[in-house]
């Protein structure tokens, strides 16, 4: 992956991309993406799309070797559980997509992800460097992941220095790291040498573990 896309939707209503503090409670935040003014990034261009679509949130990549993501623009506590449903509509199996946690800025965050060919892994970006795998030297295949054009339920637990990814209620990857302690949450897509991955996310919930 060579290039990075950070798309930030600025408006007077949303006040730009400044984080919004969230109240404490069992559920910190939830969005079914039925309201296109709920604050997520909205952009479309030659490289792809990050926008609301049909009551869901769409990330579409039109460019090979490209990363795209969108965030809720919130500031969450240290320990969170993030749930989301993701449906892949189209695209090659050589891609990665999933959930961001403890997103500090475009250069520092964790990624808990799966791939179109049924693999899972956990990675991080630090100080704008390339992604570094935390859950092993590479992504690992797991039969709990529905490959190809399919729907999967993702759950990302970021608790203390432990990071855990569940897919369809099965633990598929885990790692330990203490570089980032809190931050925003979001959604992620990465293409390799083939563009065209088209994802639809729904029922995004951030709660206390």
Protein backbone atom coordinates (compact mmCIF):
# COMPACT_ATOMS: atom_id res chain seq x y z
CA UNK A 1 0.00 0.00 0.00
CA UNK A 2 1.60 3.23 -1.14
CA UNK A 3 -0.87 6.02 -0.69
CA UNK A 4 -3.24 7.17 2.00
CA UNK A 5 -6.64 8.74 1.77
CA UNK A 6 -7.91 10.82 4.66
CA UNK A 7 -11.27 12.28 3.76
CA UNK A 8 -12.72 14.81 6.16
CA UNK A 9 -16.16 16.29 5.59
CA UNK A 10 -16.22 19.89 6.84
CA UNK A 11 -19.46 21.72 7.48
CA UNK A 12 -20.72 24.47 9.72
CA UNK A 13 -23.14 22.03 11.31
CA UNK A 14 -20.50 19.46 12.22
CA UNK A 15 -17.82 21.96 13.06
CA UNK A 16 -15.17 20.15 11.02
CA UNK A 17 -13.34 17.12 12.33
CA UNK A 18 -12.85 18.02 15.99
CA UNK A 19 -13.57 15.10 18.34
CA UNK A 20 -16.77 15.25 20.36
CA UNK A 21 -16.68 14.04 23.97
CA UNK A 22 -19.00 11.14 24.72
CA UNK A 23 -20.90 10.48 27.96
CA UNK A 24 -20.14 7.46 30.08
CA UNK A 25 -22.51 4.51 30.04
CA UNK A 26 -22.96 1.01 28.70
CA UNK A 27 -23.41 2.26 25.15
CA UNK A 28 -21.15 5.19 24.31
CA UNK A 29 -22.31 5.62 20.74
CA UNK A 30 -24.40 3.91 18.06
CA UNK A 31 -25.31 4.67 14.47
CA UNK A 32 -27.43 2.75 11.99
CA UNK A 33 -26.49 5.30 9.31
CA UNK A 34 -30.11 6.18 8.59
CA UNK A 35 -29.32 9.86 9.26
CA UNK A 36 -26.82 11.22 6.73
CA UNK A 37 -26.09 14.17 9.05
CA UNK A 38 -24.82 12.02 11.93
CA UNK A 39 -21.24 13.18 11.41
CA UNK A 40 -19.33 10.58 9.42
CA UNK A 41 -17.01 11.52 6.56
CA UNK A 42 -18.74 12.22 3.24
CA UNK A 43 -16.72 12.37 0.04
CA UNK A 44 -16.65 11.01 -3.49
CA UNK A 45 -13.94 11.34 -6.11
CA UNK A 46 -11.72 9.53 -8.55
CA UNK A 47 -10.17 7.45 -5.77
CA UNK A 48 -13.43 6.21 -4.29
CA UNK A 49 -16.37 6.92 -2.01
CA UNK A 50 -16.92 7.26 1.73
CA UNK A 51 -20.55 8.23 2.30
CA UNK A 52 -23.98 7.24 3.53
CA UNK A 53 -25.89 5.03 1.09
CA UNK A 54 -29.31 3.40 1.40
CA UNK A 55 -29.43 3.56 5.19
CA UNK A 56 -25.90 2.17 5.52
CA UNK A 57 -22.36 3.50 5.25
CA UNK A 58 -20.48 2.80 2.04
CA UNK A 59 -16.74 2.64 1.41
CA UNK A 60 -15.82 1.99 -2.22
CA UNK A 61 -12.27 1.96 -3.57
CA UNK A 62 -11.70 2.84 -7.21
CA UNK A 63 -7.90 2.85 -6.96
CA UNK A 64 -5.45 -0.07 -6.56
CA UNK A 65 -2.91 -0.02 -3.72
CA UNK A 66 -4.98 2.36 -1.64
CA UNK A 67 -6.23 2.69 1.93
CA UNK A 68 -9.48 4.44 2.82
CA UNK A 69 -11.18 5.00 6.13
CA UNK A 70 -13.85 7.00 7.93
CA UNK A 71 -14.37 7.81 11.60
CA UNK A 72 -17.22 8.77 13.88
CA UNK A 73 -15.38 11.93 15.07
CA UNK A 74 -15.82 11.09 18.73
CA UNK A 75 -13.44 10.73 21.67
CA UNK A 76 -14.05 7.40 23.40
CA UNK A 77 -12.70 6.09 26.71
CA UNK A 78 -9.75 3.72 26.84
CA UNK A 79 -11.66 0.42 26.89
CA UNK A 80 -14.28 -0.15 24.19
CA UNK A 81 -16.10 -2.89 22.35
CA UNK A 82 -17.00 -2.01 18.76
CA UNK A 83 -19.63 -3.98 16.83
CA UNK A 84 -20.57 -3.55 13.18
CA UNK A 85 -22.16 -5.52 10.35
CA UNK A 86 -20.30 -5.37 7.05
CA UNK A 87 -21.46 -6.64 3.67
CA UNK A 88 -19.07 -6.89 0.76
CA UNK A 89 -20.98 -6.30 -2.46
CA UNK A 90 -18.15 -6.57 -4.99
CA UNK A 91 -14.41 -6.66 -5.47
CA UNK A 92 -11.44 -9.00 -5.60
CA UNK A 93 -10.66 -11.21 -2.62
CA UNK A 94 -7.28 -9.53 -2.15
CA UNK A 95 -8.35 -6.73 0.16
CA UNK A 96 -8.58 -5.93 3.87
CA UNK A 97 -11.40 -4.24 5.75
CA UNK A 98 -12.64 -3.82 9.28
CA UNK A 99 -12.65 -1.57 12.33
CA UNK A 100 -10.41 1.15 13.70
CA UNK A 101 -9.97 1.71 17.42
CA UNK A 102 -7.98 4.23 19.46
CA UNK A 103 -7.67 6.42 16.41
CA UNK A 104 -5.55 9.40 17.51
CA UNK A 105 -5.08 10.95 14.06
CA UNK A 106 -4.38 9.81 10.50
CA UNK A 107 -0.92 8.62 11.53
CA UNK A 108 -1.69 6.69 14.74
CA UNK A 109 -4.33 4.00 15.22
CA UNK A 110 -5.14 0.28 15.47
CA UNK A 111 -6.85 -1.77 12.73
CA UNK A 112 -8.74 -5.02 13.40
CA UNK A 113 -9.46 -6.47 10.00
CA UNK A 114 -10.49 -9.35 7.78
CA UNK A 115 -9.95 -10.01 4.09
CA UNK A 116 -12.11 -11.09 1.18
CA UNK A 117 -10.33 -14.44 1.10
CA UNK A 118 -11.22 -15.26 4.72
CA UNK A 119 -8.21 -14.09 6.70
CA UNK A 120 -7.95 -12.01 9.87
CA UNK A 121 -5.36 -9.88 11.59
CA UNK A 122 -4.61 -6.89 13.80
CA UNK A 123 -2.23 -4.09 12.83
CA UNK A 124 -1.26 -0.56 13.79
CA UNK A 125 0.07 2.58 12.19
CA UNK A 126 2.49 4.66 14.23
CA UNK A 127 3.79 8.11 13.32
CA UNK A 128 2.63 7.72 9.75
CA UNK A 129 4.69 4.62 9.04
CA UNK A 130 3.55 1.60 7.04
CA UNK A 131 1.22 -0.84 8.78
CA UNK A 132 2.84 -3.18 11.30
CA UNK A 133 1.17 -6.50 12.07
CA UNK A 134 0.57 -7.16 15.78
CA UNK A 135 -1.25 -10.51 15.69
CA UNK A 136 1.56 -12.38 13.91
CA UNK A 137 3.77 -11.98 10.89
CA UNK A 138 0.79 -12.11 8.51
CA UNK A 139 -2.99 -12.46 8.30
CA UNK A 140 -4.34 -15.91 9.22
CA UNK A 141 -7.17 -17.85 7.58
CA UNK A 142 -10.16 -18.62 9.78
CA UNK A 143 -13.25 -20.65 8.78
CA UNK A 144 -15.54 -18.34 10.77
CA UNK A 145 -15.09 -15.61 8.16
CA UNK A 146 -17.50 -15.62 5.21
CA UNK A 147 -15.28 -14.98 2.16
CA UNK A 148 -16.07 -13.21 -1.09
CA UNK A 149 -19.24 -11.14 -1.53
CA UNK A 150 -20.82 -11.89 1.84
CA UNK A 151 -21.95 -10.45 5.17
CA UNK A 152 -19.94 -10.67 8.39
CA UNK A 153 -20.43 -9.37 11.90
CA UNK A 154 -17.27 -7.83 13.35
CA UNK A 155 -16.55 -7.19 17.01
CA UNK A 156 -13.38 -5.42 18.10
CA UNK A 157 -12.41 -5.37 21.79
CA UNK A 158 -9.76 -2.84 22.80
CA UNK A 159 -9.27 -3.34 26.54
CA UNK A 160 -6.11 -2.28 28.33
CA UNK A 161 -3.23 -3.44 26.17
CA UNK A 162 -5.27 -6.33 24.71
CA UNK A 163 -6.79 -6.17 21.23
CA UNK A 164 -9.23 -8.88 20.12
CA UNK A 165 -11.16 -9.40 16.90
CA UNK A 166 -14.27 -11.57 16.75
CA UNK A 167 -16.00 -12.46 13.48
CA UNK A 168 -19.48 -13.97 13.59
CA UNK A 169 -19.04 -14.48 17.36
CA UNK A 170 -15.73 -16.35 17.05
CA UNK A 171 -12.35 -15.03 18.20
CA UNK A 172 -10.16 -14.89 15.09
CA UNK A 173 -7.20 -12.68 16.09
CA UNK A 174 -5.63 -11.19 19.22
CA UNK A 175 -2.65 -9.03 20.07
CA UNK A 176 -1.14 -6.90 22.82
CA UNK A 177 0.12 -3.34 22.43
CA UNK A 178 0.17 -0.24 24.65
CA UNK A 179 1.11 2.56 22.25
CA UNK A 180 -2.41 4.05 22.09
CA UNK A 181 -4.75 4.22 25.07
CA UNK A 182 -7.89 5.93 23.73
CA UNK A 183 -9.30 7.81 20.75
CA UNK A 184 -11.88 7.67 17.99
CA UNK A 185 -13.40 4.61 16.28
CA UNK A 186 -14.01 3.99 12.60
CA UNK A 187 -14.17 1.81 9.51
CA UNK A 188 -11.41 0.72 7.14
CA UNK A 189 -10.79 -0.57 3.61
CA UNK A 190 -7.53 -1.41 1.87
CA UNK A 191 -7.07 -2.56 -1.73
CA UNK A 192 -4.03 -4.28 -3.15
CA UNK A 193 -3.40 -4.53 -6.90
CA UNK A 194 -7.09 -4.62 -7.86
CA UNK A 195 -9.58 -1.84 -7.20
CA UNK A 196 -13.34 -2.23 -6.94
CA UNK A 197 -14.02 -3.41 -3.37
CA UNK A 198 -17.47 -2.13 -2.39
CA UNK A 199 -18.45 -2.35 1.29
CA UNK A 200 -21.63 -1.47 3.16
CA UNK A 201 -21.50 -1.09 6.95
CA UNK A 202 -24.47 -1.04 9.33
CA UNK A 203 -25.39 -1.13 13.03
CA UNK A 204 -22.20 0.45 14.34
CA UNK A 205 -22.07 0.39 18.16
CA UNK A 206 -19.36 1.41 20.62
CA UNK A 207 -19.97 0.24 24.18
CA UNK A 208 -18.23 -0.39 27.46
CA UNK A 209 -16.74 -3.91 27.40
